[in-house]
């Protein structure tokens, strides 16, 4: 059977994906990241990331994700885990543009879809880590099935900083800034600063293993997504001195 030709109107609302980083250009082993831009009343073609598990973070607007025939209505800051290679579509039922941040990493197993609802999980104390001047929300934690990914949000109050600085021997990360402005350092050692940059909404900092990566907020609150690929843990749950802030640095 010969398929017929089809007309694709220029006026049809679009969903566009742009790659923001890959392991090759970020000095990483696993993590890739990008962003979906969904025009009002748009619906996407089928997407898939063969051999990779993915996380979709609804940053702005509203969206519906259909994964292998099942629909998930996403509210702001919800996260959806998409199994390795699974086909999915995205739609924006609203009247304003929606934006979805995407991260992925290689995975050898297929795990179930998981819808992490921010309105629910951000109210559960076992999912919150309270540190001076900031709160960490464990939105896709080790209790959720995955090969390599762990993720959540960190909310800084004004004029706060990460303390103590920490690095990892078995994790790489990406920080995606979604509200406010601040600054971030990434360095191998205090004597060898890689960079000190101002950061704002939409900026991404990729953090290869063994780099320290403190964050600083300024006059306004600062919020960012953190996504880990590698060993599955959050630093404060592994090293209690990190939560207590009683040491000058932490390595995991």
C-alpha atoms as a PDB file:
ATOM      1  CA  UNK A   1       0.000   0.000   0.000  1.00  0.00           C
ATOM      2  CA  UNK A   2       1.375   3.414  -0.994  1.00  0.00           C
ATOM      3  CA  UNK A   3       0.936   6.145   1.593  1.00  0.00           C
ATOM      4  CA  UNK A   4      -0.684   9.361   0.355  1.00  0.00           C
ATOM      5  CA  UNK A   5       1.008  12.749   0.446  1.00  0.00           C
ATOM      6  CA  UNK A   6       0.035  15.105   3.255  1.00  0.00           C
ATOM      7  CA  UNK A   7      -0.137  18.866   3.566  1.00  0.00           C
ATOM      8  CA  UNK A   8       1.430  20.406   6.677  1.00  0.00           C
ATOM      9  CA  UNK A   9       0.148  23.960   7.019  1.00  0.00           C
ATOM     10  CA  UNK A  10       2.552  26.710   8.034  1.00  0.00           C
ATOM     11  CA  UNK A  11      -0.158  28.155  10.272  1.00  0.00           C
ATOM     12  CA  UNK A  12      -0.457  25.040  12.450  1.00  0.00           C
ATOM     13  CA  UNK A  13       0.718  25.619  16.038  1.00  0.00           C
ATOM     14  CA  UNK A  14       4.083  23.985  16.605  1.00  0.00           C
ATOM     15  CA  UNK A  15       6.019  22.103  19.224  1.00  0.00           C
ATOM     16  CA  UNK A  16       9.760  22.578  18.838  1.00  0.00           C
ATOM     17  CA  UNK A  17      12.628  20.815  20.584  1.00  0.00           C
ATOM     18  CA  UNK A  18      16.056  22.362  20.947  1.00  0.00           C
ATOM     19  CA  UNK A  19      19.036  20.487  22.296  1.00  0.00           C
ATOM     20  CA  UNK A  20      20.829  22.445  25.015  1.00  0.00           C
ATOM     21  CA  UNK A  21      23.741  20.115  25.819  1.00  0.00           C
ATOM     22  CA  UNK A  22      25.086  16.633  25.149  1.00  0.00           C
ATOM     23  CA  UNK A  23      27.780  14.608  26.937  1.00  0.00           C
ATOM     24  CA  UNK A  24      30.249  15.387  24.162  1.00  0.00           C
ATOM     25  CA  UNK A  25      29.987  19.174  24.437  1.00  0.00           C
ATOM     26  CA  UNK A  26      29.543  19.307  28.226  1.00  0.00           C
ATOM     27  CA  UNK A  27      32.373  17.007  29.345  1.00  0.00           C
ATOM     28  CA  UNK A  28      29.892  14.516  30.791  1.00  0.00           C
ATOM     29  CA  UNK A  29      29.492  10.752  30.588  1.00  0.00           C
ATOM     30  CA  UNK A  30      25.700  10.399  30.612  1.00  0.00           C
ATOM     31  CA  UNK A  31      23.530  13.508  30.741  1.00  0.00           C
ATOM     32  CA  UNK A  32      21.913  15.243  27.803  1.00  0.00           C
ATOM     33  CA  UNK A  33      19.404  18.056  28.036  1.00  0.00           C
ATOM     34  CA  UNK A  34      17.052  20.142  25.981  1.00  0.00           C
ATOM     35  CA  UNK A  35      13.835  22.101  25.982  1.00  0.00           C
ATOM     36  CA  UNK A  36      10.425  21.725  24.356  1.00  0.00           C
ATOM     37  CA  UNK A  37       8.642  24.938  23.358  1.00  0.00           C
ATOM     38  CA  UNK A  38       4.896  24.395  22.938  1.00  0.00           C
ATOM     39  CA  UNK A  39       2.872  27.042  21.143  1.00  0.00           C
ATOM     40  CA  UNK A  40      -0.685  27.641  22.409  1.00  0.00           C
ATOM     41  CA  UNK A  41      -3.105  24.894  21.354  1.00  0.00           C
ATOM     42  CA  UNK A  42      -0.298  22.836  19.845  1.00  0.00           C
ATOM     43  CA  UNK A  43       0.276  19.105  19.641  1.00  0.00           C
ATOM     44  CA  UNK A  44       3.595  17.465  18.823  1.00  0.00           C
ATOM     45  CA  UNK A  45       4.658  14.650  16.600  1.00  0.00           C
ATOM     46  CA  UNK A  46       5.958  11.495  18.277  1.00  0.00           C
ATOM     47  CA  UNK A  47       9.263  11.874  20.111  1.00  0.00           C
ATOM     48  CA  UNK A  48      11.530   9.180  21.527  1.00  0.00           C
ATOM     49  CA  UNK A  49      15.069   8.958  22.881  1.00  0.00           C
ATOM     50  CA  UNK A  50      16.277   5.471  21.935  1.00  0.00           C
ATOM     51  CA  UNK A  51      18.297   3.766  24.664  1.00  0.00           C
ATOM     52  CA  UNK A  52      17.768   6.654  27.111  1.00  0.00           C
ATOM     53  CA  UNK A  53      15.460   7.258  30.053  1.00  0.00           C
ATOM     54  CA  UNK A  54      14.156  10.809  30.272  1.00  0.00           C
ATOM     55  CA  UNK A  55      12.694  13.317  32.690  1.00  0.00           C
ATOM     56  CA  UNK A  56      10.275  16.035  31.555  1.00  0.00           C
ATOM     57  CA  UNK A  57       9.982  19.085  33.858  1.00  0.00           C
ATOM     58  CA  UNK A  58       7.052  21.416  33.187  1.00  0.00           C
ATOM     59  CA  UNK A  59       8.568  24.830  33.735  1.00  0.00           C
ATOM     60  CA  UNK A  60       5.894  27.189  32.401  1.00  0.00           C
ATOM     61  CA  UNK A  61       2.310  26.925  31.208  1.00  0.00           C
ATOM     62  CA  UNK A  62       0.298  23.730  31.053  1.00  0.00           C
ATOM     63  CA  UNK A  63       0.825  20.555  29.092  1.00  0.00           C
ATOM     64  CA  UNK A  64      -0.360  17.027  28.509  1.00  0.00           C
ATOM     65  CA  UNK A  65       2.146  14.241  27.853  1.00  0.00           C
ATOM     66  CA  UNK A  66       0.962  11.067  26.175  1.00  0.00           C
ATOM     67  CA  UNK A  67       3.332   8.153  26.797  1.00  0.00           C
ATOM     68  CA  UNK A  68       2.563   4.997  24.858  1.00  0.00           C
ATOM     69  CA  UNK A  69      -1.135   5.846  24.703  1.00  0.00           C
ATOM     70  CA  UNK A  70      -1.633   7.049  28.298  1.00  0.00           C
ATOM     71  CA  UNK A  71      -2.140  10.764  28.992  1.00  0.00           C
ATOM     72  CA  UNK A  72      -0.638  12.663  31.942  1.00  0.00           C
ATOM     73  CA  UNK A  73      -1.830  16.210  32.692  1.00  0.00           C
ATOM     74  CA  UNK A  74       1.178  18.215  33.861  1.00  0.00           C
ATOM     75  CA  UNK A  75       0.961  21.181  36.215  1.00  0.00           C
ATOM     76  CA  UNK A  76       3.849  23.626  36.761  1.00  0.00           C
ATOM     77  CA  UNK A  77       6.938  21.960  38.277  1.00  0.00           C
ATOM     78  CA  UNK A  78       5.544  18.460  37.747  1.00  0.00           C
ATOM     79  CA  UNK A  79       8.087  15.907  36.532  1.00  0.00           C
ATOM     80  CA  UNK A  80       7.361  12.936  34.295  1.00  0.00           C
ATOM     81  CA  UNK A  81       9.726   9.969  34.012  1.00  0.00           C
ATOM     82  CA  UNK A  82       9.653   8.483  30.486  1.00  0.00           C
ATOM     83  CA  UNK A  83      11.055   4.937  30.173  1.00  0.00           C
ATOM     84  CA  UNK A  84      14.007   4.182  27.934  1.00  0.00           C
ATOM     85  CA  UNK A  85      13.060   4.634  24.284  1.00  0.00           C
ATOM     86  CA  UNK A  86       9.352   5.113  25.001  1.00  0.00           C
ATOM     87  CA  UNK A  87       7.351   7.030  22.393  1.00  0.00           C
ATOM     88  CA  UNK A  88       5.602  10.168  23.643  1.00  0.00           C
ATOM     89  CA  UNK A  89       3.675  13.192  22.405  1.00  0.00           C
ATOM     90  CA  UNK A  90       3.242  16.600  24.000  1.00  0.00           C
ATOM     91  CA  UNK A  91       0.304  18.979  23.790  1.00  0.00           C
ATOM     92  CA  UNK A  92      -0.414  22.449  25.120  1.00  0.00           C
ATOM     93  CA  UNK A  93      -4.153  22.949  25.742  1.00  0.00           C
ATOM     94  CA  UNK A  94      -3.637  26.491  27.009  1.00  0.00           C
ATOM     95  CA  UNK A  95      -3.603  29.955  25.468  1.00  0.00           C
ATOM     96  CA  UNK A  96       0.016  30.797  26.342  1.00  0.00           C
ATOM     97  CA  UNK A  97       3.305  29.150  25.440  1.00  0.00           C
ATOM     98  CA  UNK A  98       4.422  26.208  27.573  1.00  0.00           C
ATOM     99  CA  UNK A  99       8.013  25.199  28.213  1.00  0.00           C
ATOM    100  CA  UNK A 100       9.230  21.745  29.233  1.00  0.00           C
ATOM    101  CA  UNK A 101      12.812  21.051  30.276  1.00  0.00           C
ATOM    102  CA  UNK A 102      14.119  17.613  29.275  1.00  0.00           C
ATOM    103  CA  UNK A 103      17.049  15.586  30.575  1.00  0.00           C
ATOM    104  CA  UNK A 104      18.089  12.047  29.674  1.00  0.00           C
ATOM    105  CA  UNK A 105      20.744   9.422  30.287  1.00  0.00           C
ATOM    106  CA  UNK A 106      21.503   5.955  28.875  1.00  0.00           C
ATOM    107  CA  UNK A 107      19.496   3.140  30.458  1.00  0.00           C
ATOM    108  CA  UNK A 108      19.622  -0.611  29.976  1.00  0.00           C
ATOM    109  CA  UNK A 109      16.261  -1.320  31.632  1.00  0.00           C
ATOM    110  CA  UNK A 110      12.720  -0.088  31.038  1.00  0.00           C
ATOM    111  CA  UNK A 111      11.037   1.153  34.198  1.00  0.00           C
ATOM    112  CA  UNK A 112       7.427   2.316  34.684  1.00  0.00           C
ATOM    113  CA  UNK A 113       6.300   5.838  33.886  1.00  0.00           C
ATOM    114  CA  UNK A 114       6.273   7.976  37.042  1.00  0.00           C
ATOM    115  CA  UNK A 115       4.330  11.235  37.397  1.00  0.00           C
ATOM    116  CA  UNK A 116       5.841  13.342  40.166  1.00  0.00           C
ATOM    117  CA  UNK A 117       3.213  15.942  41.117  1.00  0.00           C
ATOM    118  CA  UNK A 118       4.788  19.020  42.659  1.00  0.00           C
ATOM    119  CA  UNK A 119       1.600  20.183  44.405  1.00  0.00           C
ATOM    120  CA  UNK A 120       1.526  16.883  46.285  1.00  0.00           C
ATOM    121  CA  UNK A 121       5.168  15.935  46.891  1.00  0.00           C
ATOM    122  CA  UNK A 122       6.317  19.445  47.839  1.00  0.00           C
ATOM    123  CA  UNK A 123       4.014  19.215  50.896  1.00  0.00           C
ATOM    124  CA  UNK A 124       5.403  15.922  52.172  1.00  0.00           C
ATOM    125  CA  UNK A 125       8.101  16.384  54.793  1.00  0.00           C
ATOM    126  CA  UNK A 126       9.929  13.185  53.843  1.00  0.00           C
ATOM    127  CA  UNK A 127      10.504  14.760  50.424  1.00  0.00           C
ATOM    128  CA  UNK A 128      11.870  18.060  51.789  1.00  0.00           C
ATOM    129  CA  UNK A 129      15.353  18.804  53.084  1.00  0.00           C
ATOM    130  CA  UNK A 130      15.568  22.085  54.968  1.00  0.00           C
ATOM    131  CA  UNK A 131      18.959  23.808  55.035  1.00  0.00           C
ATOM    132  CA  UNK A 132      19.861  27.359  56.116  1.00  0.00           C
ATOM    133  CA  UNK A 133      18.351  29.727  53.571  1.00  0.00           C
ATOM    134  CA  UNK A 134      17.079  27.011  51.239  1.00  0.00           C
ATOM    135  CA  UNK A 135      14.772  24.043  50.743  1.00  0.00           C
ATOM    136  CA  UNK A 136      15.488  20.987  48.611  1.00  0.00           C
ATOM    137  CA  UNK A 137      12.591  18.989  47.144  1.00  0.00           C
ATOM    138  CA  UNK A 138      13.337  15.350  46.263  1.00  0.00           C
ATOM    139  CA  UNK A 139      10.916  14.979  43.363  1.00  0.00           C
ATOM    140  CA  UNK A 140      12.368  11.948  41.583  1.00  0.00           C
ATOM    141  CA  UNK A 141      14.199  10.142  44.346  1.00  0.00           C
ATOM    142  CA  UNK A 142      15.864   6.755  44.845  1.00  0.00           C
ATOM    143  CA  UNK A 143      12.498   5.188  45.685  1.00  0.00           C
ATOM    144  CA  UNK A 144      11.422   5.732  42.087  1.00  0.00           C
ATOM    145  CA  UNK A 145      12.636   3.117  39.615  1.00  0.00           C
ATOM    146  CA  UNK A 146      15.329   4.266  37.169  1.00  0.00           C
ATOM    147  CA  UNK A 147      18.796   3.278  36.003  1.00  0.00           C
ATOM    148  CA  UNK A 148      20.721   6.503  36.592  1.00  0.00           C
ATOM    149  CA  UNK A 149      18.509   9.560  37.103  1.00  0.00           C
ATOM    150  CA  UNK A 150      17.611  11.426  40.302  1.00  0.00           C
ATOM    151  CA  UNK A 151      16.153  14.942  40.268  1.00  0.00           C
ATOM    152  CA  UNK A 152      14.423  17.676  42.193  1.00  0.00           C
ATOM    153  CA  UNK A 153      14.247  21.398  42.879  1.00  0.00           C
ATOM    154  CA  UNK A 154      16.167  23.721  45.175  1.00  0.00           C
ATOM    155  CA  UNK A 155      14.623  27.007  46.336  1.00  0.00           C
ATOM    156  CA  UNK A 156      16.977  29.656  47.753  1.00  0.00           C
ATOM    157  CA  UNK A 157      15.912  32.599  49.872  1.00  0.00           C
ATOM    158  CA  UNK A 158      17.569  35.943  49.009  1.00  0.00           C
ATOM    159  CA  UNK A 159      21.263  36.266  49.921  1.00  0.00           C
ATOM    160  CA  UNK A 160      21.809  32.562  50.594  1.00  0.00           C
ATOM    161  CA  UNK A 161      24.641  30.253  49.555  1.00  0.00           C
ATOM    162  CA  UNK A 162      25.381  26.553  49.269  1.00  0.00           C
ATOM    163  CA  UNK A 163      27.324  25.303  52.264  1.00  0.00           C
ATOM    164  CA  UNK A 164      29.417  23.285  52.530  1.00  0.00           C
ATOM    165  CA  UNK A 165      30.710  23.013  48.951  1.00  0.00           C
ATOM    166  CA  UNK A 166      30.547  19.425  47.738  1.00  0.00           C
ATOM    167  CA  UNK A 167      31.589  17.230  44.842  1.00  0.00           C
ATOM    168  CA  UNK A 168      30.979  13.657  43.700  1.00  0.00           C
ATOM    169  CA  UNK A 169      33.145  10.775  42.552  1.00  0.00           C
ATOM    170  CA  UNK A 170      30.187   8.916  41.029  1.00  0.00           C
ATOM    171  CA  UNK A 171      27.623  11.543  39.941  1.00  0.00           C
ATOM    172  CA  UNK A 172      27.447  14.240  37.306  1.00  0.00           C
ATOM    173  CA  UNK A 173      24.784  16.947  37.354  1.00  0.00           C
ATOM    174  CA  UNK A 174      23.003  19.683  35.484  1.00  0.00           C
ATOM    175  CA  UNK A 175      21.492  22.730  37.191  1.00  0.00           C
ATOM    176  CA  UNK A 176      18.713  24.432  35.211  1.00  0.00           C
ATOM    177  CA  UNK A 177      17.772  27.862  36.589  1.00  0.00           C
ATOM    178  CA  UNK A 178      14.041  28.585  36.424  1.00  0.00           C
ATOM    179  CA  UNK A 179      13.455  31.632  38.628  1.00  0.00           C
ATOM    180  CA  UNK A 180      15.525  34.602  39.781  1.00  0.00           C
ATOM    181  CA  UNK A 181      19.178  35.487  39.324  1.00  0.00           C
ATOM    182  CA  UNK A 182      22.266  34.357  41.171  1.00  0.00           C
ATOM    183  CA  UNK A 183      25.801  33.125  40.764  1.00  0.00           C
ATOM    184  CA  UNK A 184      27.518  29.765  40.626  1.00  0.00           C
ATOM    185  CA  UNK A 185      31.081  28.513  40.929  1.00  0.00           C
ATOM    186  CA  UNK A 186      32.347  25.269  39.398  1.00  0.00           C
ATOM    187  CA  UNK A 187      35.883  24.214  40.248  1.00  0.00           C
ATOM    188  CA  UNK A 188      38.185  21.262  40.745  1.00  0.00           C
ATOM    189  CA  UNK A 189      39.792  22.817  43.822  1.00  0.00           C
ATOM    190  CA  UNK A 190      39.782  26.295  45.417  1.00  0.00           C
ATOM    191  CA  UNK A 191      43.082  27.003  43.655  1.00  0.00           C
ATOM    192  CA  UNK A 192      41.702  25.967  40.239  1.00  0.00           C
ATOM    193  CA  UNK A 193      38.373  27.738  39.631  1.00  0.00           C
ATOM    194  CA  UNK A 194      36.792  26.590  36.357  1.00  0.00           C
ATOM    195  CA  UNK A 195      34.425  29.560  36.228  1.00  0.00           C
ATOM    196  CA  UNK A 196      32.409  31.957  38.326  1.00  0.00           C
ATOM    197  CA  UNK A 197      29.268  33.005  36.412  1.00  0.00           C
ATOM    198  CA  UNK A 198      26.099  34.942  36.970  1.00  0.00           C
ATOM    199  CA  UNK A 199      23.059  32.798  36.199  1.00  0.00           C
ATOM    200  CA  UNK A 200      19.470  33.621  35.310  1.00  0.00           C
ATOM    201  CA  UNK A 201      16.262  32.039  34.128  1.00  0.00           C
ATOM    202  CA  UNK A 202      16.842  29.451  31.407  1.00  0.00           C
ATOM    203  CA  UNK A 203      20.584  29.144  32.026  1.00  0.00           C
ATOM    204  CA  UNK A 204      22.022  25.651  32.462  1.00  0.00           C
ATOM    205  CA  UNK A 205      25.262  24.714  34.218  1.00  0.00           C
ATOM    206  CA  UNK A 206      26.641  21.223  33.595  1.00  0.00           C
ATOM    207  CA  UNK A 207      28.852  19.752  36.313  1.00  0.00           C
ATOM    208  CA  UNK A 208      31.240  16.887  35.487  1.00  0.00           C
ATOM    209  CA  UNK A 209      32.269  14.520  38.265  1.00  0.00           C
ATOM    210  CA  UNK A 210      34.674  15.791  40.949  1.00  0.00           C
ATOM    211  CA  UNK A 211      33.792  19.464  40.447  1.00  0.00           C
ATOM    212  CA  UNK A 212      32.628  21.504  43.431  1.00  0.00           C
ATOM    213  CA  UNK A 213      29.535  23.531  42.518  1.00  0.00           C
ATOM    214  CA  UNK A 214      28.244  26.057  45.089  1.00  0.00           C
ATOM    215  CA  UNK A 215      25.329  28.363  44.227  1.00  0.00           C
ATOM    216  CA  UNK A 216      24.633  31.886  45.545  1.00  0.00           C
ATOM    217  CA  UNK A 217      21.346  33.815  45.437  1.00  0.00           C
ATOM    218  CA  UNK A 218      21.184  37.595  45.251  1.00  0.00           C
ATOM    219  CA  UNK A 219      18.429  40.095  46.097  1.00  0.00           C
ATOM    220  CA  UNK A 220      15.550  37.833  45.072  1.00  0.00           C
ATOM    221  CA  UNK A 221      14.641  34.151  45.556  1.00  0.00           C
ATOM    222  CA  UNK A 222      16.429  31.719  43.256  1.00  0.00           C
ATOM    223  CA  UNK A 223      15.030  28.398  42.032  1.00  0.00           C
ATOM    224  CA  UNK A 224      16.651  25.673  39.968  1.00  0.00           C
ATOM    225  CA  UNK A 225      16.167  22.111  38.778  1.00  0.00           C
ATOM    226  CA  UNK A 226      18.960  19.731  39.669  1.00  0.00           C
ATOM    227  CA  UNK A 227      19.309  16.499  37.733  1.00  0.00           C
ATOM    228  CA  UNK A 228      21.823  13.792  38.634  1.00  0.00           C
ATOM    229  CA  UNK A 229      23.076  10.938  36.467  1.00  0.00           C
ATOM    230  CA  UNK A 230      25.175   8.150  37.959  1.00  0.00           C
ATOM    231  CA  UNK A 231      24.901   6.627  41.433  1.00  0.00           C
ATOM    232  CA  UNK A 232      21.409   7.284  42.774  1.00  0.00           C
ATOM    233  CA  UNK A 233      21.464   9.327  45.998  1.00  0.00           C
ATOM    234  CA  UNK A 234      21.193  12.910  47.227  1.00  0.00           C
ATOM    235  CA  UNK A 235      24.300  14.206  48.984  1.00  0.00           C
ATOM    236  CA  UNK A 236      22.585  15.211  52.233  1.00  0.00           C
ATOM    237  CA  UNK A 237      21.004  11.781  52.647  1.00  0.00           C
ATOM    238  CA  UNK A 238      24.395  10.115  52.272  1.00  0.00           C
ATOM    239  CA  UNK A 239      26.563  12.513  54.292  1.00  0.00           C
ATOM    240  CA  UNK A 240      24.875  13.950  57.386  1.00  0.00           C
ATOM    241  CA  UNK A 241      27.662  16.528  57.841  1.00  0.00           C
ATOM    242  CA  UNK A 242      26.357  18.205  54.680  1.00  0.00           C
ATOM    243  CA  UNK A 243      22.980  18.851  56.304  1.00  0.00           C
ATOM    244  CA  UNK A 244      24.597  19.982  59.545  1.00  0.00           C
ATOM    245  CA  UNK A 245      27.055  22.288  57.749  1.00  0.00           C
ATOM    246  CA  UNK A 246      29.766  21.344  60.226  1.00  0.00           C
ATOM    247  CA  UNK A 247      32.556  20.704  57.695  1.00  0.00           C
ATOM    248  CA  UNK A 248      34.304  22.907  55.127  1.00  0.00           C
ATOM    249  CA  UNK A 249      33.670  20.579  52.164  1.00  0.00           C
ATOM    250  CA  UNK A 250      32.104  17.213  51.328  1.00  0.00           C
ATOM    251  CA  UNK A 251      33.098  14.566  48.787  1.00  0.00           C
ATOM    252  CA  UNK A 252      30.825  11.619  48.046  1.00  0.00           C
END
